[in-house]
């Protein structure tokens, strides 16, 4: 028996040009459209979101319109990503809690989708999060820390894989190219960047060097700066900064990379889907986790590290083994679909 089409609202960090979040949204909307549901995404750039994904979209901060839509929807999906945390700001946390509260007020089913919960340092924010999550129909989290936190609140979340593992990739073709993916981070020093630039210039002098900005606001200026550092070391290097790519353009570009030195979690994930030997630059525990899971060398942004040894370790990784291990990682949508249908 076919499931009944539902009107679904999707709330998350969407329309902010962040590759990871937009890739999650692409996977989620594709699955739900295949199930025959009607979707509306709350987005910072609703026209862009609508055009890219073929869904209805509402401006994230058009509160009257947002409330009106939730009132007439069947289900709210909150996520994925790290929405319910106050490390970014208490305002961000309160916004996403407000959206959930509106849905619960109108007695809508709320699904927490592949989220990382916390940190929640603000007492009121923590209390509100706990109170609202207890009323949600189904909760999935993407890491053990979130799982244990919610279990401590007497909730029963499901631990799931990252949805981006489900994204379709293109055929891989080697073009003697290395990808460098960087993001601004307080622990990333100029000394470390110069040490990295020297090692990249030495180890990959005869490669094309593609420097990826995955979110313009946080990545682009640093990527341009790193390109300039590479040119200082060796003006003859072939370099290119790639920014403002679509999800599909990024996926296609990664198909031609032989190695990746990646800082963002989803850059490492995409590389692993292709079996690309990767050196992870860890600014967050989630990057440590994916490096440990796949046996990747991992730098902790310390200028005293021997980057040359880490690059040598990266080059020794087996592409087939990485690709096969990544192929076993999938997000299982069956329980999400059940929660929507029932």
Protein backbone atom coordinates (compact mmCIF):
# COMPACT_ATOMS: atom_id res chain seq x y z
CA UNK A 1 0.00 0.00 0.00
CA UNK A 2 1.38 3.41 -0.97
CA UNK A 3 1.97 5.92 1.80
CA UNK A 4 -0.09 9.09 1.86
CA UNK A 5 1.65 12.23 0.66
CA UNK A 6 2.49 14.57 3.54
CA UNK A 7 3.23 18.29 3.66
CA UNK A 8 6.68 18.55 5.22
CA UNK A 9 8.54 21.63 6.49
CA UNK A 10 12.35 21.37 6.69
CA UNK A 11 14.28 23.62 9.08
CA UNK A 12 18.07 23.85 9.11
CA UNK A 13 21.16 25.86 8.29
CA UNK A 14 20.18 26.06 4.66
CA UNK A 15 20.84 28.72 2.04
CA UNK A 16 24.08 29.86 3.74
CA UNK A 17 26.31 28.34 1.01
CA UNK A 18 27.83 25.70 3.28
CA UNK A 19 28.69 22.58 1.25
CA UNK A 20 28.03 20.07 4.05
CA UNK A 21 24.60 21.39 4.99
CA UNK A 22 23.54 21.82 1.37
CA UNK A 23 24.68 18.26 0.58
CA UNK A 24 22.61 16.93 3.52
CA UNK A 25 19.60 18.86 2.22
CA UNK A 26 20.11 17.48 -1.29
CA UNK A 27 20.08 13.89 0.00
CA UNK A 28 17.09 14.51 2.30
CA UNK A 29 14.90 16.27 -0.27
CA UNK A 30 15.72 13.69 -2.94
CA UNK A 31 14.60 10.85 -0.67
CA UNK A 32 11.40 12.60 0.45
CA UNK A 33 10.46 13.62 -3.09
CA UNK A 34 10.89 10.00 -4.15
CA UNK A 35 8.39 9.11 -1.41
CA UNK A 36 5.89 11.54 -2.97
CA UNK A 37 5.86 14.15 -0.19
CA UNK A 38 5.40 17.90 -0.65
CA UNK A 39 8.38 19.83 0.71
CA UNK A 40 9.05 23.37 1.86
CA UNK A 41 12.55 24.33 3.02
CA UNK A 42 13.23 27.30 5.32
CA UNK A 43 16.25 28.90 3.66
CA UNK A 44 18.40 32.02 3.87
CA UNK A 45 18.30 32.05 0.04
CA UNK A 46 14.87 30.62 -0.85
CA UNK A 47 15.04 31.41 -4.57
CA UNK A 48 18.37 29.60 -4.90
CA UNK A 49 17.22 26.64 -2.79
CA UNK A 50 14.02 26.30 -4.79
CA UNK A 51 15.85 26.45 -8.13
CA UNK A 52 18.55 23.96 -7.14
CA UNK A 53 16.35 21.34 -5.51
CA UNK A 54 12.95 21.77 -7.15
CA UNK A 55 11.16 22.38 -3.85
CA UNK A 56 9.14 25.20 -2.34
CA UNK A 57 11.19 27.47 -0.09
CA UNK A 58 10.47 30.20 2.47
CA UNK A 59 12.89 32.80 3.80
CA UNK A 60 14.30 31.56 7.09
CA UNK A 61 13.48 34.74 9.02
CA UNK A 62 10.04 35.51 7.56
CA UNK A 63 8.45 34.50 10.85
CA UNK A 64 4.75 35.17 10.01
CA UNK A 65 5.02 33.19 6.77
CA UNK A 66 6.97 30.42 8.53
CA UNK A 67 4.34 30.10 11.27
CA UNK A 68 1.57 30.08 8.69
CA UNK A 69 3.19 27.29 6.75
CA UNK A 70 3.89 25.13 9.81
CA UNK A 71 0.25 25.54 10.85
CA UNK A 72 -0.83 23.86 7.61
CA UNK A 73 1.95 21.25 7.41
CA UNK A 74 1.88 17.67 8.66
CA UNK A 75 5.49 17.23 9.73
CA UNK A 76 8.49 19.37 10.70
CA UNK A 77 11.96 17.98 10.08
CA UNK A 78 14.63 19.84 12.06
CA UNK A 79 18.13 19.15 10.77
CA UNK A 80 20.59 17.90 9.85
CA UNK A 81 23.69 19.49 11.27
CA UNK A 82 24.51 21.07 14.62
CA UNK A 83 21.44 23.26 15.14
CA UNK A 84 20.73 22.70 18.82
CA UNK A 85 23.88 24.20 20.34
CA UNK A 86 24.88 27.57 21.75
CA UNK A 87 28.57 27.57 20.76
CA UNK A 88 27.68 29.59 17.66
CA UNK A 89 25.23 31.84 19.51
CA UNK A 90 22.26 31.63 21.87
CA UNK A 91 20.20 33.43 19.21
CA UNK A 92 20.79 30.61 16.74
CA UNK A 93 19.72 28.00 19.30
CA UNK A 94 16.60 29.94 20.25
CA UNK A 95 15.60 30.33 16.61
CA UNK A 96 15.69 26.58 15.91
CA UNK A 97 13.93 25.85 19.22
CA UNK A 98 11.27 28.42 18.30
CA UNK A 99 10.58 26.61 15.01
CA UNK A 100 10.23 23.30 16.86
CA UNK A 101 7.99 24.94 19.50
CA UNK A 102 5.67 26.35 16.82
CA UNK A 103 5.28 22.91 15.27
CA UNK A 104 4.56 21.32 18.63
CA UNK A 105 2.09 24.08 19.50
CA UNK A 106 0.10 23.20 16.37
CA UNK A 107 0.39 19.50 17.24
CA UNK A 108 2.60 18.59 14.28
CA UNK A 109 4.93 15.61 14.24
CA UNK A 110 8.52 16.75 14.76
CA UNK A 111 11.49 14.70 13.57
CA UNK A 112 15.03 15.63 14.68
CA UNK A 113 17.15 14.61 11.71
CA UNK A 114 20.83 13.61 11.96
CA UNK A 115 21.74 16.34 14.43
CA UNK A 116 24.69 16.88 16.70
CA UNK A 117 23.27 18.14 20.01
CA UNK A 118 25.30 20.56 22.11
CA UNK A 119 27.29 22.12 23.56
CA UNK A 120 24.52 23.72 25.60
CA UNK A 121 26.20 25.96 28.16
CA UNK A 122 23.27 28.31 28.70
CA UNK A 123 20.98 26.92 31.43
CA UNK A 124 17.76 28.24 29.88
CA UNK A 125 18.76 27.03 26.42
CA UNK A 126 19.57 23.60 27.79
CA UNK A 127 16.27 23.43 29.71
CA UNK A 128 14.22 24.47 26.67
CA UNK A 129 16.04 22.00 24.43
CA UNK A 130 15.39 19.15 26.85
CA UNK A 131 11.74 20.10 27.28
CA UNK A 132 11.03 20.36 23.55
CA UNK A 133 12.94 17.25 22.52
CA UNK A 134 10.89 15.18 24.95
CA UNK A 135 7.84 16.03 22.84
CA UNK A 136 9.38 15.17 19.46
CA UNK A 137 8.17 12.06 17.66
CA UNK A 138 11.51 10.68 16.46
CA UNK A 139 15.11 11.74 17.09
CA UNK A 140 18.24 10.75 15.19
CA UNK A 141 21.71 11.96 16.18
CA UNK A 142 24.98 11.70 14.29
CA UNK A 143 27.49 11.14 17.12
CA UNK A 144 27.91 9.23 20.37
CA UNK A 145 28.25 12.38 22.47
CA UNK A 146 24.76 13.51 21.44
CA UNK A 147 23.44 9.99 21.94
CA UNK A 148 24.69 9.80 25.54
CA UNK A 149 23.49 13.34 26.33
CA UNK A 150 19.93 12.57 25.23
CA UNK A 151 19.92 9.17 26.89
CA UNK A 152 20.85 11.01 30.08
CA UNK A 153 17.66 13.03 29.55
CA UNK A 154 15.69 9.75 29.39
CA UNK A 155 15.18 10.08 25.64
CA UNK A 156 15.65 7.29 23.11
CA UNK A 157 17.47 8.71 20.06
CA UNK A 158 18.82 6.62 17.21
CA UNK A 159 22.49 6.94 16.24
CA UNK A 160 22.77 7.29 12.46
CA UNK A 161 25.38 7.77 9.75
CA UNK A 162 25.83 11.12 8.04
CA UNK A 163 23.25 11.46 5.21
CA UNK A 164 25.96 12.68 2.81
CA UNK A 165 27.27 9.09 2.59
CA UNK A 166 24.22 8.49 0.35
CA UNK A 167 25.17 11.13 -2.21
CA UNK A 168 25.82 9.85 -5.73
CA UNK A 169 29.36 10.28 -7.05
CA UNK A 170 30.77 10.45 -10.56
CA UNK A 171 33.32 8.23 -12.28
CA UNK A 172 36.82 8.89 -10.95
CA UNK A 173 39.54 9.96 -13.41
CA UNK A 174 43.08 10.79 -12.26
CA UNK A 175 44.41 14.15 -13.51
CA UNK A 176 47.50 14.54 -11.29
CA UNK A 177 45.73 16.97 -9.03
CA UNK A 178 45.70 17.56 -5.25
CA UNK A 179 42.84 19.23 -3.42
CA UNK A 180 43.40 21.50 -0.43
CA UNK A 181 40.28 22.40 1.58
CA UNK A 182 40.64 24.99 4.35
CA UNK A 183 38.36 26.97 6.65
CA UNK A 184 39.02 29.84 9.02
CA UNK A 185 39.63 28.66 12.58
CA UNK A 186 41.07 30.36 15.64
CA UNK A 187 43.62 27.55 16.11
CA UNK A 188 44.97 27.81 12.57
CA UNK A 189 48.18 29.87 12.82
CA UNK A 190 50.15 31.61 10.10
CA UNK A 191 53.17 29.55 11.13
CA UNK A 192 51.26 26.33 10.51
CA UNK A 193 49.89 27.54 7.17
CA UNK A 194 53.36 28.45 5.94
CA UNK A 195 54.73 25.06 7.05
CA UNK A 196 51.88 23.37 5.20
CA UNK A 197 52.47 25.50 2.09
CA UNK A 198 56.17 24.57 2.05
CA UNK A 199 55.41 20.85 2.29
CA UNK A 200 52.68 20.97 -0.36
CA UNK A 201 54.95 22.94 -2.70
CA UNK A 202 57.74 20.40 -2.21
CA UNK A 203 55.69 17.19 -2.34
CA UNK A 204 53.34 18.21 -5.16
CA UNK A 205 55.44 20.55 -7.30
CA UNK A 206 54.33 18.80 -10.51
CA UNK A 207 50.62 18.61 -9.54
CA UNK A 208 47.77 21.00 -10.16
CA UNK A 209 46.76 22.35 -6.74
CA UNK A 210 43.03 22.99 -6.32
CA UNK A 211 42.15 25.00 -3.21
CA UNK A 212 38.51 24.57 -2.20
CA UNK A 213 36.27 27.09 -0.46
CA UNK A 214 33.28 25.18 0.92
CA UNK A 215 31.62 28.26 2.45
CA UNK A 216 32.49 31.69 1.13
CA UNK A 217 32.08 33.55 4.43
CA UNK A 218 34.53 31.33 6.33
CA UNK A 219 36.77 29.80 3.68
CA UNK A 220 37.39 32.07 0.70
CA UNK A 221 39.74 34.69 2.13
CA UNK A 222 41.85 31.97 3.78
CA UNK A 223 41.97 29.97 0.53
CA UNK A 224 43.17 33.04 -1.38
CA UNK A 225 45.76 33.67 1.33
CA UNK A 226 47.02 30.09 1.17
CA UNK A 227 47.34 30.29 -2.62
CA UNK A 228 49.50 33.41 -2.15
CA UNK A 229 51.67 31.52 0.37
CA UNK A 230 52.16 28.67 -2.11
CA UNK A 231 53.23 31.15 -4.78
CA UNK A 232 55.73 32.69 -2.38
CA UNK A 233 57.33 29.30 -1.93
CA UNK A 234 57.22 28.43 -5.64
CA UNK A 235 55.87 30.96 -8.18
CA UNK A 236 55.71 28.24 -10.84
CA UNK A 237 53.10 26.12 -9.05
CA UNK A 238 49.83 25.54 -10.90
CA UNK A 239 47.16 26.67 -8.42
CA UNK A 240 43.46 27.45 -8.59
CA UNK A 241 40.98 28.57 -5.93
CA UNK A 242 37.56 27.00 -6.45
CA UNK A 243 34.63 28.79 -4.85
CA UNK A 244 30.90 29.20 -5.33
CA UNK A 245 30.59 25.70 -6.80
CA UNK A 246 27.28 23.87 -6.77
CA UNK A 247 27.02 20.51 -4.98
CA UNK A 248 27.21 18.69 -8.33
CA UNK A 249 30.18 20.76 -9.50
CA UNK A 250 32.06 19.97 -6.28
CA UNK A 251 31.30 16.26 -6.63
CA UNK A 252 32.47 16.28 -10.26
CA UNK A 253 35.66 18.15 -9.35
CA UNK A 254 36.57 15.65 -6.62
CA UNK A 255 36.39 12.89 -9.24
CA UNK A 256 39.68 14.22 -10.67
CA UNK A 257 41.65 14.54 -7.42
CA UNK A 258 44.49 12.16 -6.54
CA UNK A 259 44.96 13.39 -2.94
CA UNK A 260 43.13 15.64 -0.51
CA UNK A 261 44.36 17.67 2.43
CA UNK A 262 41.03 18.52 4.01
CA UNK A 263 39.86 20.45 7.04
CA UNK A 264 36.08 20.23 6.83
CA UNK A 265 34.41 16.95 7.77
CA UNK A 266 32.37 16.75 4.58
CA UNK A 267 35.42 17.40 2.40
CA UNK A 268 37.05 14.33 3.96
CA UNK A 269 33.82 12.35 3.59
CA UNK A 270 33.44 13.17 -0.11
CA UNK A 271 37.08 12.29 -0.75
CA UNK A 272 36.63 8.93 0.97
CA UNK A 273 33.65 8.07 -1.23
CA UNK A 274 36.06 8.27 -4.17
CA UNK A 275 38.80 6.43 -2.26
CA UNK A 276 41.03 9.52 -2.35
CA UNK A 277 43.99 9.26 0.08
CA UNK A 278 43.37 12.06 2.56
CA UNK A 279 45.26 13.99 5.21
CA UNK A 280 42.69 15.30 7.71
CA UNK A 281 43.33 18.66 9.37
CA UNK A 282 41.37 18.47 12.60
CA UNK A 283 39.67 21.52 14.09
CA UNK A 284 36.81 19.47 15.59
CA UNK A 285 36.36 16.03 17.13
CA UNK A 286 34.18 14.95 14.19
CA UNK A 287 37.25 15.27 11.93
CA UNK A 288 39.27 13.16 14.40
CA UNK A 289 36.51 10.56 14.35
CA UNK A 290 36.41 10.15 10.57
CA UNK A 291 40.22 10.00 10.45
CA UNK A 292 40.28 7.27 13.11
CA UNK A 293 37.48 5.33 11.41
CA UNK A 294 39.31 5.19 8.07
CA UNK A 295 42.91 5.13 9.31
CA UNK A 296 43.75 8.54 7.86
CA UNK A 297 46.75 10.57 8.98
CA UNK A 298 45.49 13.49 11.03
CA UNK A 299 47.11 16.84 11.80
CA UNK A 300 45.98 18.87 14.80
CA UNK A 301 47.16 22.19 13.32
CA UNK A 302 50.33 22.26 15.40
CA UNK A 303 53.24 23.94 13.60
CA UNK A 304 55.68 21.58 15.35
CA UNK A 305 54.13 18.52 13.67
CA UNK A 306 56.12 16.75 10.96
CA UNK A 307 53.83 17.49 8.02
CA UNK A 308 56.20 15.72 5.64
CA UNK A 309 55.66 12.43 7.51
CA UNK A 310 51.89 12.96 7.49
CA UNK A 311 51.91 13.53 3.72
CA UNK A 312 54.03 10.40 3.24
CA UNK A 313 51.48 8.45 5.31
CA UNK A 314 48.67 9.88 3.18
CA UNK A 315 50.41 8.77 -0.02
CA UNK A 316 50.69 5.20 1.32
CA UNK A 317 46.91 4.81 1.75
CA UNK A 318 45.16 2.28 -0.52
CA UNK A 319 42.44 3.84 -2.71
CA UNK A 320 40.50 0.61 -3.19
CA UNK A 321 40.40 -0.12 0.54
CA UNK A 322 39.21 3.41 1.32
CA UNK A 323 36.54 3.30 -1.38
CA UNK A 324 35.25 -0.12 -0.32
CA UNK A 325 35.03 0.93 3.33
CA UNK A 326 33.20 4.14 2.39
CA UNK A 327 30.75 2.16 0.24
CA UNK A 328 29.55 0.35 3.36
CA UNK A 329 28.51 3.66 4.98
CA UNK A 330 24.88 4.53 4.31
CA UNK A 331 22.13 6.53 5.97
CA UNK A 332 19.10 4.29 6.49
CA UNK A 333 15.95 6.30 5.80
CA UNK A 334 13.50 3.50 6.68
CA UNK A 335 12.74 4.69 10.24
CA UNK A 336 12.49 8.33 9.12
CA UNK A 337 9.94 7.27 6.49
CA UNK A 338 8.01 5.26 9.08
CA UNK A 339 7.92 8.25 11.44
CA UNK A 340 6.52 10.44 8.65
CA UNK A 341 3.96 7.90 7.46
CA UNK A 342 2.60 6.76 10.85
